[in-house]
Amino acid sequence: MKTKSLTLILSLSVTSLVMACPSGNKNGRKHRVEHHANFIGSLSLSTDQRKQFETIMTNKSERMHEVMANIHEDTQAKLAKILSAEQMARLADKKGKRRSKGTGRLRNK
């Protein structure tokens, strides 16, 4: 039971760190890697545990990216049904500007 609790706490902690960092941002990736290294160091993992930990976290990250891509595609399809082509273009333009500014919020002109 103690091991399951520790695993859950660790998983939730790492998940929150990963989710706090923008996935499309190279600095966000660097930030996640640094936190990942801090977790490994603070847990005093054996070599075998470290390999398994890294494999699990890498697999989790890959699955999260797949899920997020599916959510994005689904959202785009739903928006395309309710927005005009012009509105979709404006939305895409705003998203592009948001990304170039490095912020997660849409800003009004």
PDB file of N, CA and C in Angstrom:
ATOM      1  N   MET A   1       0.819  -1.196   0.000  1.00  0.00           N
ATOM      2  CA  MET A   1       0.000   0.000   0.000  1.00  0.00           C
ATOM      3  C   MET A   1       0.861   1.257   0.000  1.00  0.00           C
ATOM      4  N   LYS A   2       1.934   1.227   0.799  1.00  0.00           N
ATOM      5  CA  LYS A   2       2.832   2.374   0.898  1.00  0.00           C
ATOM      6  C   LYS A   2       3.469   2.666  -0.460  1.00  0.00           C
ATOM      7  N   THR A   3       3.856   1.614  -1.177  1.00  0.00           N
ATOM      8  CA  THR A   3       4.468   1.773  -2.497  1.00  0.00           C
ATOM      9  C   THR A   3       3.472   2.369  -3.487  1.00  0.00           C
ATOM     10  N   LYS A   4       2.217   1.922  -3.435  1.00  0.00           N
ATOM     11  CA  LYS A   4       1.192   2.453  -4.332  1.00  0.00           C
ATOM     12  C   LYS A   4       0.949   3.929  -4.053  1.00  0.00           C
ATOM     13  N   SER A   5       0.930   4.302  -2.783  1.00  0.00           N
ATOM     14  CA  SER A   5       0.729   5.709  -2.417  1.00  0.00           C
ATOM     15  C   SER A   5       1.877   6.562  -2.906  1.00  0.00           C
ATOM     16  N   LEU A   6       3.102   6.075  -2.709  1.00  0.00           N
ATOM     17  CA  LEU A   6       4.285   6.815  -3.164  1.00  0.00           C
ATOM     18  C   LEU A   6       4.274   6.954  -4.683  1.00  0.00           C
ATOM     19  N   THR A   7       3.913   5.878  -5.377  1.00  0.00           N
ATOM     20  CA  THR A   7       3.848   5.917  -6.838  1.00  0.00           C
ATOM     21  C   THR A   7       2.812   6.930  -7.306  1.00  0.00           C
ATOM     22  N   LEU A   8       1.651   6.946  -6.667  1.00  0.00           N
ATOM     23  CA  LEU A   8       0.601   7.889  -7.033  1.00  0.00           C
ATOM     24  C   LEU A   8       1.057   9.323  -6.787  1.00  0.00           C
ATOM     25  N   ILE A   9       1.643   9.585  -5.637  1.00  0.00           N
ATOM     26  CA  ILE A   9       2.112  10.933  -5.314  1.00  0.00           C
ATOM     27  C   ILE A   9       3.168  11.370  -6.310  1.00  0.00           C
ATOM     28  N   LEU A  10       4.123  10.503  -6.600  1.00  0.00           N
ATOM     29  CA  LEU A  10       5.177  10.826  -7.557  1.00  0.00           C
ATOM     30  C   LEU A  10       4.601  11.080  -8.934  1.00  0.00           C
ATOM     31  N   SER A  11       3.677  10.233  -9.360  1.00  0.00           N
ATOM     32  CA  SER A  11       3.064  10.393 -10.678  1.00  0.00           C
ATOM     33  C   SER A  11       2.317  11.712 -10.785  1.00  0.00           C
ATOM     34  N   LEU A  12       1.541  12.046  -9.766  1.00  0.00           N
ATOM     35  CA  LEU A  12       0.798  13.307  -9.781  1.00  0.00           C
ATOM     36  C   LEU A  12       1.736  14.505  -9.761  1.00  0.00           C
ATOM     37  N   SER A  13       2.803  14.413  -8.990  1.00  0.00           N
ATOM     38  CA  SER A  13       3.759  15.515  -8.911  1.00  0.00           C
ATOM     39  C   SER A  13       4.445  15.745 -10.248  1.00  0.00           C
ATOM     40  N   VAL A  14       4.911  14.670 -10.853  1.00  0.00           N
ATOM     41  CA  VAL A  14       5.588  14.796 -12.144  1.00  0.00           C
ATOM     42  C   VAL A  14       4.603  15.257 -13.205  1.00  0.00           C
ATOM     43  N   THR A  15       3.378  14.741 -13.177  1.00  0.00           N
ATOM     44  CA  THR A  15       2.365  15.160 -14.140  1.00  0.00           C
ATOM     45  C   THR A  15       2.110  16.651 -14.032  1.00  0.00           C
ATOM     46  N   SER A  16       1.990  17.157 -12.815  1.00  0.00           N
ATOM     47  CA  SER A  16       1.741  18.589 -12.661  1.00  0.00           C
ATOM     48  C   SER A  16       2.910  19.406 -13.168  1.00  0.00           C
ATOM     49  N   LEU A  17       4.121  18.908 -12.996  1.00  0.00           N
ATOM     50  CA  LEU A  17       5.279  19.623 -13.527  1.00  0.00           C
ATOM     51  C   LEU A  17       5.276  19.621 -15.044  1.00  0.00           C
ATOM     52  N   VAL A  18       4.961  18.483 -15.628  1.00  0.00           N
ATOM     53  CA  VAL A  18       4.927  18.381 -17.084  1.00  0.00           C
ATOM     54  C   VAL A  18       3.840  19.273 -17.655  1.00  0.00           C
ATOM     55  N   MET A  19       2.671  19.261 -17.038  1.00  0.00           N
ATOM     56  CA  MET A  19       1.565  20.053 -17.546  1.00  0.00           C
ATOM     57  C   MET A  19       1.809  21.551 -17.377  1.00  0.00           C
ATOM     58  N   ALA A  20       2.626  21.933 -16.409  1.00  0.00           N
ATOM     59  CA  ALA A  20       2.898  23.344 -16.177  1.00  0.00           C
ATOM     60  C   ALA A  20       3.822  23.922 -17.235  1.00  0.00           C
ATOM     61  N   CYS A  21       4.509  23.071 -17.962  1.00  0.00           N
ATOM     62  CA  CYS A  21       5.463  23.529 -18.958  1.00  0.00           C
ATOM     63  C   CYS A  21       4.864  23.395 -20.347  1.00  0.00           C
ATOM     64  N   PRO A  22       4.973  24.432 -21.174  1.00  0.00           N
ATOM     65  CA  PRO A  22       4.417  24.348 -22.520  1.00  0.00           C
ATOM     66  C   PRO A  22       5.126  23.297 -23.351  1.00  0.00           C
ATOM     67  N   SER A  23       4.359  22.392 -23.930  1.00  0.00           N
ATOM     68  CA  SER A  23       4.953  21.287 -24.674  1.00  0.00           C
ATOM     69  C   SER A  23       5.613  21.723 -25.974  1.00  0.00           C
ATOM     70  N   GLY A  24       5.124  22.790 -26.586  1.00  0.00           N
ATOM     71  CA  GLY A  24       5.695  23.228 -27.839  1.00  0.00           C
ATOM     72  C   GLY A  24       6.893  24.145 -27.672  1.00  0.00           C
ATOM     73  N   ASN A  25       7.270  24.400 -26.459  1.00  0.00           N
ATOM     74  CA  ASN A  25       8.325  25.351 -26.174  1.00  0.00           C
ATOM     75  C   ASN A  25       9.597  24.605 -25.810  1.00  0.00           C
ATOM     76  N   LYS A  26      10.697  24.886 -26.511  1.00  0.00           N
ATOM     77  CA  LYS A  26      11.952  24.203 -26.220  1.00  0.00           C
ATOM     78  C   LYS A  26      12.412  24.480 -24.799  1.00  0.00           C
ATOM     79  N   ASN A  27      12.184  25.694 -24.300  1.00  0.00           N
ATOM     80  CA  ASN A  27      12.540  25.999 -22.919  1.00  0.00           C
ATOM     81  C   ASN A  27      11.670  25.209 -21.955  1.00  0.00           C
ATOM     82  N   GLY A  28      10.419  24.985 -22.311  1.00  0.00           N
ATOM     83  CA  GLY A  28       9.538  24.166 -21.491  1.00  0.00           C
ATOM     84  C   GLY A  28      10.051  22.746 -21.393  1.00  0.00           C
ATOM     85  N   ARG A  29      10.531  22.212 -22.501  1.00  0.00           N
ATOM     86  CA  ARG A  29      11.092  20.866 -22.508  1.00  0.00           C
ATOM     87  C   ARG A  29      12.330  20.804 -21.619  1.00  0.00           C
ATOM     88  N   LYS A  30      13.193  21.797 -21.732  1.00  0.00           N
ATOM     89  CA  LYS A  30      14.396  21.858 -20.904  1.00  0.00           C
ATOM     90  C   LYS A  30      14.001  21.912 -19.430  1.00  0.00           C
ATOM     91  N   HIS A  31      12.987  22.706 -19.133  1.00  0.00           N
ATOM     92  CA  HIS A  31      12.487  22.840 -17.768  1.00  0.00           C
ATOM     93  C   HIS A  31      11.998  21.500 -17.239  1.00  0.00           C
ATOM     94  N   ARG A  32      11.245  20.747 -18.059  1.00  0.00           N
ATOM     95  CA  ARG A  32      10.750  19.432 -17.645  1.00  0.00           C
ATOM     96  C   ARG A  32      11.905  18.477 -17.389  1.00  0.00           C
ATOM     97  N   VAL A  33      12.907  18.497 -18.260  1.00  0.00           N
ATOM     98  CA  VAL A  33      14.062  17.603 -18.103  1.00  0.00           C
ATOM     99  C   VAL A  33      14.790  17.917 -16.795  1.00  0.00           C
ATOM    100  N   GLU A  34      14.936  19.204 -16.482  1.00  0.00           N
ATOM    101  CA  GLU A  34      15.597  19.582 -15.234  1.00  0.00           C
ATOM    102  C   GLU A  34      14.813  19.087 -14.028  1.00  0.00           C
ATOM    103  N   HIS A  35      13.481  19.243 -14.061  1.00  0.00           N
ATOM    104  CA  HIS A  35      12.664  18.749 -12.954  1.00  0.00           C
ATOM    105  C   HIS A  35      12.727  17.226 -12.870  1.00  0.00           C
ATOM    106  N   HIS A  36      12.739  16.578 -14.012  1.00  0.00           N
ATOM    107  CA  HIS A  36      12.847  15.124 -14.063  1.00  0.00           C
ATOM    108  C   HIS A  36      14.143  14.698 -13.383  1.00  0.00           C
ATOM    109  N   ALA A  37      15.236  15.375 -13.705  1.00  0.00           N
ATOM    110  CA  ALA A  37      16.528  15.059 -13.102  1.00  0.00           C
ATOM    111  C   ALA A  37      16.496  15.306 -11.593  1.00  0.00           C
ATOM    112  N   ASN A  38      15.820  16.375 -11.171  1.00  0.00           N
ATOM    113  CA  ASN A  38      15.704  16.660  -9.738  1.00  0.00           C
ATOM    114  C   ASN A  38      14.942  15.553  -9.020  1.00  0.00           C
ATOM    115  N   PHE A  39      13.874  15.046  -9.639  1.00  0.00           N
ATOM    116  CA  PHE A  39      13.120  13.957  -9.032  1.00  0.00           C
ATOM    117  C   PHE A  39      13.992  12.725  -8.895  1.00  0.00           C
ATOM    118  N   ILE A  40      14.706  12.397  -9.941  1.00  0.00           N
ATOM    119  CA  ILE A  40      15.554  11.212  -9.898  1.00  0.00           C
ATOM    120  C   ILE A  40      16.593  11.354  -8.794  1.00  0.00           C
ATOM    121  N   GLY A  41      17.208  12.534  -8.697  1.00  0.00           N
ATOM    122  CA  GLY A  41      18.213  12.755  -7.666  1.00  0.00           C
ATOM    123  C   GLY A  41      17.632  12.696  -6.267  1.00  0.00           C
ATOM    124  N   SER A  42      16.464  13.277  -6.081  1.00  0.00           N
ATOM    125  CA  SER A  42      15.873  13.326  -4.740  1.00  0.00           C
ATOM    126  C   SER A  42      15.331  11.979  -4.287  1.00  0.00           C
ATOM    127  N   LEU A  43      15.082  11.069  -5.212  1.00  0.00           N
ATOM    128  CA  LEU A  43      14.547   9.756  -4.853  1.00  0.00           C
ATOM    129  C   LEU A  43      15.636   8.721  -4.586  1.00  0.00           C
ATOM    130  N   SER A  44      16.876   9.061  -4.902  1.00  0.00           N
ATOM    131  CA  SER A  44      17.998   8.127  -4.716  1.00  0.00           C
ATOM    132  C   SER A  44      17.704   6.786  -5.385  1.00  0.00           C
ATOM    133  N   LEU A  45      17.344   6.851  -6.660  1.00  0.00           N
ATOM    134  CA  LEU A  45      16.992   5.643  -7.395  1.00  0.00           C
ATOM    135  C   LEU A  45      18.226   4.826  -7.732  1.00  0.00           C
ATOM    136  N   SER A  46      18.050   3.508  -7.745  1.00  0.00           N
ATOM    137  CA  SER A  46      19.116   2.623  -8.208  1.00  0.00           C
ATOM    138  C   SER A  46      19.206   2.765  -9.733  1.00  0.00           C
ATOM    139  N   THR A  47      20.241   2.228 -10.324  1.00  0.00           N
ATOM    140  CA  THR A  47      20.399   2.298 -11.779  1.00  0.00           C
ATOM    141  C   THR A  47      19.211   1.657 -12.485  1.00  0.00           C
ATOM    142  N   ASP A  48      18.772   0.505 -11.980  1.00  0.00           N
ATOM    143  CA  ASP A  48      17.635  -0.190 -12.576  1.00  0.00           C
ATOM    144  C   ASP A  48      16.354   0.627 -12.422  1.00  0.00           C
ATOM    145  N   GLN A  49      16.133   1.184 -11.241  1.00  0.00           N
ATOM    146  CA  GLN A  49      14.945   2.020 -11.015  1.00  0.00           C
ATOM    147  C   GLN A  49      14.976   3.249 -11.916  1.00  0.00           C
ATOM    148  N   ARG A  50      16.142   3.837 -12.068  1.00  0.00           N
ATOM    149  CA  ARG A  50      16.276   5.040 -12.898  1.00  0.00           C
ATOM    150  C   ARG A  50      15.884   4.750 -14.337  1.00  0.00           C
ATOM    151  N   LYS A  51      16.383   3.628 -14.874  1.00  0.00           N
ATOM    152  CA  LYS A  51      16.036   3.242 -16.248  1.00  0.00           C
ATOM    153  C   LYS A  51      14.529   3.043 -16.384  1.00  0.00           C
ATOM    154  N   GLN A  52      13.943   2.335 -15.427  1.00  0.00           N
ATOM    155  CA  GLN A  52      12.502   2.076 -15.471  1.00  0.00           C
ATOM    156  C   GLN A  52      11.706   3.375 -15.324  1.00  0.00           C
ATOM    157  N   PHE A  53      12.149   4.240 -14.416  1.00  0.00           N
ATOM    158  CA  PHE A  53      11.496   5.521 -14.193  1.00  0.00           C
ATOM    159  C   PHE A  53      11.508   6.349 -15.476  1.00  0.00           C
ATOM    160  N   GLU A  54      12.671   6.441 -16.110  1.00  0.00           N
ATOM    161  CA  GLU A  54      12.791   7.222 -17.346  1.00  0.00           C
ATOM    162  C   GLU A  54      11.931   6.643 -18.456  1.00  0.00           C
ATOM    163  N   THR A  55      11.885   5.320 -18.565  1.00  0.00           N
ATOM    164  CA  THR A  55      11.056   4.671 -19.583  1.00  0.00           C
ATOM    165  C   THR A  55       9.578   4.978 -19.339  1.00  0.00           C
ATOM    166  N   ILE A  56       9.144   4.846 -18.095  1.00  0.00           N
ATOM    167  CA  ILE A  56       7.748   5.111 -17.751  1.00  0.00           C
ATOM    168  C   ILE A  56       7.388   6.559 -18.054  1.00  0.00           C
ATOM    169  N   MET A  57       8.241   7.486 -17.655  1.00  0.00           N
ATOM    170  CA  MET A  57       7.949   8.898 -17.858  1.00  0.00           C
ATOM    171  C   MET A  57       7.984   9.275 -19.338  1.00  0.00           C
ATOM    172  N   THR A  58       8.889   8.675 -20.092  1.00  0.00           N
ATOM    173  CA  THR A  58       8.950   8.931 -21.529  1.00  0.00           C
ATOM    174  C   THR A  58       7.686   8.412 -22.211  1.00  0.00           C
ATOM    175  N   ASN A  59       7.262   7.212 -21.846  1.00  0.00           N
ATOM    176  CA  ASN A  59       6.033   6.643 -22.414  1.00  0.00           C
ATOM    177  C   ASN A  59       4.828   7.505 -22.065  1.00  0.00           C
ATOM    178  N   LYS A  60       4.776   7.973 -20.825  1.00  0.00           N
ATOM    179  CA  LYS A  60       3.673   8.832 -20.391  1.00  0.00           C
ATOM    180  C   LYS A  60       3.644  10.107 -21.214  1.00  0.00           C
ATOM    181  N   SER A  61       4.799  10.695 -21.415  1.00  0.00           N
ATOM    182  CA  SER A  61       4.888  11.934 -22.183  1.00  0.00           C
ATOM    183  C   SER A  61       4.417  11.728 -23.620  1.00  0.00           C
ATOM    184  N   GLU A  62       4.840  10.632 -24.222  1.00  0.00           N
ATOM    185  CA  GLU A  62       4.429  10.325 -25.593  1.00  0.00           C
ATOM    186  C   GLU A  62       2.917  10.133 -25.677  1.00  0.00           C
ATOM    187  N   ARG A  63       2.351   9.428 -24.705  1.00  0.00           N
ATOM    188  CA  ARG A  63       0.899   9.216 -24.692  1.00  0.00           C
ATOM    189  C   ARG A  63       0.155  10.526 -24.495  1.00  0.00           C
ATOM    190  N   MET A  64       0.687  11.393 -23.633  1.00  0.00           N
ATOM    191  CA  MET A  64       0.045  12.689 -23.399  1.00  0.00           C
ATOM    192  C   MET A  64       0.037  13.525 -24.673  1.00  0.00           C
ATOM    193  N   HIS A  65       1.139  13.491 -25.419  1.00  0.00           N
ATOM    194  CA  HIS A  65       1.196  14.247 -26.673  1.00  0.00           C
ATOM    195  C   HIS A  65       0.173  13.726 -27.671  1.00  0.00           C
ATOM    196  N   GLU A  66       0.014  12.407 -27.737  1.00  0.00           N
ATOM    197  CA  GLU A  66      -0.979  11.813 -28.627  1.00  0.00           C
ATOM    198  C   GLU A  66      -2.386  12.237 -28.233  1.00  0.00           C
ATOM    199  N   VAL A  67      -2.681  12.178 -26.938  1.00  0.00           N
ATOM    200  CA  VAL A  67      -4.007  12.555 -26.448  1.00  0.00           C
ATOM    201  C   VAL A  67      -4.270  14.028 -26.746  1.00  0.00           C
ATOM    202  N   MET A  68      -3.284  14.877 -26.474  1.00  0.00           N
ATOM    203  CA  MET A  68      -3.454  16.314 -26.716  1.00  0.00           C
ATOM    204  C   MET A  68      -3.666  16.589 -28.207  1.00  0.00           C
ATOM    205  N   ALA A  69      -2.962  15.866 -29.069  1.00  0.00           N
ATOM    206  CA  ALA A  69      -3.145  16.042 -30.512  1.00  0.00           C
ATOM    207  C   ALA A  69      -4.563  15.647 -30.913  1.00  0.00           C
ATOM    208  N   ASN A  70      -5.080  14.560 -30.338  1.00  0.00           N
ATOM    209  CA  ASN A  70      -6.450  14.131 -30.625  1.00  0.00           C
ATOM    210  C   ASN A  70      -7.465  15.159 -30.147  1.00  0.00           C
ATOM    211  N   ILE A  71      -7.236  15.703 -28.960  1.00  0.00           N
ATOM    212  CA  ILE A  71      -8.131  16.730 -28.429  1.00  0.00           C
ATOM    213  C   ILE A  71      -8.100  17.956 -29.337  1.00  0.00           C
ATOM    214  N   HIS A  72      -6.923  18.345 -29.775  1.00  0.00           N
ATOM    215  CA  HIS A  72      -6.791  19.508 -30.656  1.00  0.00           C
ATOM    216  C   HIS A  72      -7.557  19.280 -31.968  1.00  0.00           C
ATOM    217  N   GLU A  73      -7.369  18.121 -32.570  1.00  0.00           N
ATOM    218  CA  GLU A  73      -8.072  17.816 -33.820  1.00  0.00           C
ATOM    219  C   GLU A  73      -9.582  17.834 -33.624  1.00  0.00           C
ATOM    220  N   ASP A  74     -10.049  17.245 -32.538  1.00  0.00           N
ATOM    221  CA  ASP A  74     -11.480  17.212 -32.237  1.00  0.00           C
ATOM    222  C   ASP A  74     -12.023  18.627 -32.040  1.00  0.00           C
ATOM    223  N   THR A  75     -11.276  19.446 -31.306  1.00  0.00           N
ATOM    224  CA  THR A  75     -11.689  20.831 -31.060  1.00  0.00           C
ATOM    225  C   THR A  75     -11.750  21.614 -32.359  1.00  0.00           C
ATOM    226  N   GLN A  76     -10.744  21.457 -33.202  1.00  0.00           N
ATOM    227  CA  GLN A  76     -10.723  22.162 -34.488  1.00  0.00           C
ATOM    228  C   GLN A  76     -11.915  21.766 -35.353  1.00  0.00           C
ATOM    229  N   ALA A  77     -12.236  20.480 -35.359  1.00  0.00           N
ATOM    230  CA  ALA A  77     -13.380  20.005 -36.154  1.00  0.00           C
ATOM    231  C   ALA A  77     -14.687  20.595 -35.629  1.00  0.00           C
ATOM    232  N   LYS A  78     -14.827  20.646 -34.298  1.00  0.00           N
ATOM    233  CA  LYS A  78     -16.047  21.213 -33.714  1.00  0.00           C
ATOM    234  C   LYS A  78     -16.136  22.713 -33.993  1.00  0.00           C
ATOM    235  N   LEU A  79     -15.013  23.423 -33.884  1.00  0.00           N
ATOM    236  CA  LEU A  79     -15.012  24.856 -34.165  1.00  0.00           C
ATOM    237  C   LEU A  79     -15.341  25.131 -35.632  1.00  0.00           C
ATOM    238  N   ALA A  80     -14.811  24.292 -36.513  1.00  0.00           N
ATOM    239  CA  ALA A  80     -15.061  24.466 -37.946  1.00  0.00           C
ATOM    240  C   ALA A  80     -16.550  24.331 -38.278  1.00  0.00           C
ATOM    241  N   LYS A  81     -17.278  23.603 -37.465  1.00  0.00           N
ATOM    242  CA  LYS A  81     -18.714  23.441 -37.682  1.00  0.00           C
ATOM    243  C   LYS A  81     -19.512  24.673 -37.273  1.00  0.00           C
ATOM    244  N   ILE A  82     -18.990  25.440 -36.316  1.00  0.00           N
ATOM    245  CA  ILE A  82     -19.766  26.586 -35.825  1.00  0.00           C
ATOM    246  C   ILE A  82     -19.223  27.938 -36.277  1.00  0.00           C
ATOM    247  N   LEU A  83     -17.967  27.991 -36.696  1.00  0.00           N
ATOM    248  CA  LEU A  83     -17.368  29.254 -37.124  1.00  0.00           C
ATOM    249  C   LEU A  83     -17.306  29.327 -38.643  1.00  0.00           C
ATOM    250  N   SER A  84     -17.372  30.543 -39.161  1.00  0.00           N
ATOM    251  CA  SER A  84     -17.220  30.726 -40.607  1.00  0.00           C
ATOM    252  C   SER A  84     -15.738  30.562 -40.962  1.00  0.00           C
ATOM    253  N   ALA A  85     -15.467  30.449 -42.253  1.00  0.00           N
ATOM    254  CA  ALA A  85     -14.079  30.328 -42.714  1.00  0.00           C
ATOM    255  C   ALA A  85     -13.272  31.547 -42.283  1.00  0.00           C
ATOM    256  N   GLU A  86     -13.893  32.723 -42.353  1.00  0.00           N
ATOM    257  CA  GLU A  86     -13.210  33.951 -41.940  1.00  0.00           C
ATOM    258  C   GLU A  86     -12.896  33.919 -40.434  1.00  0.00           C
ATOM    259  N   GLN A  87     -13.839  33.460 -39.636  1.00  0.00           N
ATOM    260  CA  GLN A  87     -13.624  33.381 -38.193  1.00  0.00           C
ATOM    261  C   GLN A  87     -12.538  32.355 -37.850  1.00  0.00           C
ATOM    262  N   MET A  88     -12.524  31.249 -38.562  1.00  0.00           N
ATOM    263  CA  MET A  88     -11.474  30.247 -38.348  1.00  0.00           C
ATOM    264  C   MET A  88     -10.107  30.820 -38.691  1.00  0.00           C
ATOM    265  N   ALA A  89     -10.052  31.602 -39.776  1.00  0.00           N
ATOM    266  CA  ALA A  89      -8.788  32.223 -40.182  1.00  0.00           C
ATOM    267  C   ALA A  89      -8.320  33.220 -39.123  1.00  0.00           C
ATOM    268  N   ARG A  90      -9.246  34.016 -38.582  1.00  0.00           N
ATOM    269  CA  ARG A  90      -8.886  34.978 -37.535  1.00  0.00           C
ATOM    270  C   ARG A  90      -8.407  34.262 -36.274  1.00  0.00           C
ATOM    271  N   LEU A  91      -9.073  33.162 -35.939  1.00  0.00           N
ATOM    272  CA  LEU A  91      -8.666  32.380 -34.779  1.00  0.00           C
ATOM    273  C   LEU A  91      -7.247  31.833 -34.979  1.00  0.00           C
ATOM    274  N   ALA A  92      -6.991  31.293 -36.152  1.00  0.00           N
ATOM    275  CA  ALA A  92      -5.660  30.764 -36.450  1.00  0.00           C
ATOM    276  C   ALA A  92      -4.608  31.866 -36.393  1.00  0.00           C
ATOM    277  N   ASP A  93      -4.962  33.063 -36.896  1.00  0.00           N
ATOM    278  CA  ASP A  93      -4.042  34.194 -36.859  1.00  0.00           C
ATOM    279  C   ASP A  93      -3.727  34.582 -35.416  1.00  0.00           C
ATOM    280  N   LYS A  94      -4.754  34.637 -34.582  1.00  0.00           N
ATOM    281  CA  LYS A  94      -4.547  34.993 -33.168  1.00  0.00           C
ATOM    282  C   LYS A  94      -3.692  33.944 -32.466  1.00  0.00           C
ATOM    283  N   LYS A  95      -3.923  32.679 -32.771  1.00  0.00           N
ATOM    284  CA  LYS A  95      -3.119  31.618 -32.166  1.00  0.00           C
ATOM    285  C   LYS A  95      -1.657  31.750 -32.588  1.00  0.00           C
ATOM    286  N   GLY A  96      -1.441  32.077 -33.865  1.00  0.00           N
ATOM    287  CA  GLY A  96      -0.077  32.258 -34.361  1.00  0.00           C
ATOM    288  C   GLY A  96       0.624  33.415 -33.661  1.00  0.00           C
ATOM    289  N   LYS A  97      -0.095  34.518 -33.466  1.00  0.00           N
ATOM    290  CA  LYS A  97       0.476  35.670 -32.773  1.00  0.00           C
ATOM    291  C   LYS A  97       0.767  35.338 -31.315  1.00  0.00           C
ATOM    292  N   ARG A  98      -0.126  34.571 -30.702  1.00  0.00           N
ATOM    293  CA  ARG A  98       0.063  34.173 -29.301  1.00  0.00           C
ATOM    294  C   ARG A  98       1.328  33.337 -29.167  1.00  0.00           C
ATOM    295  N   ARG A  99       1.514  32.408 -30.083  1.00  0.00           N
ATOM    296  CA  ARG A  99       2.701  31.547 -30.022  1.00  0.00           C
ATOM    297  C   ARG A  99       3.977  32.345 -30.251  1.00  0.00           C
ATOM    298  N   SER A 100       3.932  33.289 -31.165  1.00  0.00           N
ATOM    299  CA  SER A 100       5.136  34.071 -31.448  1.00  0.00           C
ATOM    300  C   SER A 100       5.512  34.972 -30.282  1.00  0.00           C
ATOM    301  N   LYS A 101       4.515  35.349 -29.465  1.00  0.00           N
ATOM    302  CA  LYS A 101       4.784  36.160 -28.279  1.00  0.00           C
ATOM    303  C   LYS A 101       5.185  35.299 -27.087  1.00  0.00           C
ATOM    304  N   GLY A 102       4.967  34.001 -27.203  1.00  0.00           N
ATOM    305  CA  GLY A 102       5.313  33.104 -26.115  1.00  0.00           C
ATOM    306  C   GLY A 102       4.352  33.141 -24.946  1.00  0.00           C
ATOM    307  N   THR A 103       3.121  33.515 -25.197  1.00  0.00           N
ATOM    308  CA  THR A 103       2.130  33.552 -24.124  1.00  0.00           C
ATOM    309  C   THR A 103       1.023  32.565 -24.401  1.00  0.00           C
ATOM    310  N   GLY A 104       0.396  32.098 -23.364  1.00  0.00           N
ATOM    311  CA  GLY A 104      -0.693  31.143 -23.526  1.00  0.00           C
ATOM    312  C   GLY A 104      -2.047  31.803 -23.620  1.00  0.00           C
ATOM    313  N   ARG A 105      -2.107  33.110 -23.654  1.00  0.00           N
ATOM    314  CA  ARG A 105      -3.394  33.816 -23.688  1.00  0.00           C
ATOM    315  C   ARG A 105      -3.580  34.535 -25.011  1.00  0.00           C
ATOM    316  N   LEU A 106      -4.812  34.520 -25.475  1.00  0.00           N
ATOM    317  CA  LEU A 106      -5.142  35.313 -26.650  1.00  0.00           C
ATOM    318  C   LEU A 106      -5.227  36.767 -26.231  1.00  0.00           C
ATOM    319  N   ARG A 107      -4.667  37.638 -27.042  1.00  0.00           N
ATOM    320  CA  ARG A 107      -4.703  39.047 -26.715  1.00  0.00           C
ATOM    321  C   ARG A 107      -5.478  39.794 -27.789  1.00  0.00           C
ATOM    322  N   ASN A 108      -6.212  40.797 -27.379  1.00  0.00           N
ATOM    323  CA  ASN A 108      -6.936  41.638 -28.322  1.00  0.00           C
ATOM    324  C   ASN A 108      -5.955  42.607 -28.956  1.00  0.00           C
ATOM    325  N   LYS A 109      -6.265  42.966 -30.214  1.00  0.00           N
ATOM    326  CA  LYS A 109      -5.403  43.941 -30.912  1.00  0.00           C
ATOM    327  C   LYS A 109      -5.622  45.315 -30.365  1.00  0.00           C
TER     328      LYS A 109
END
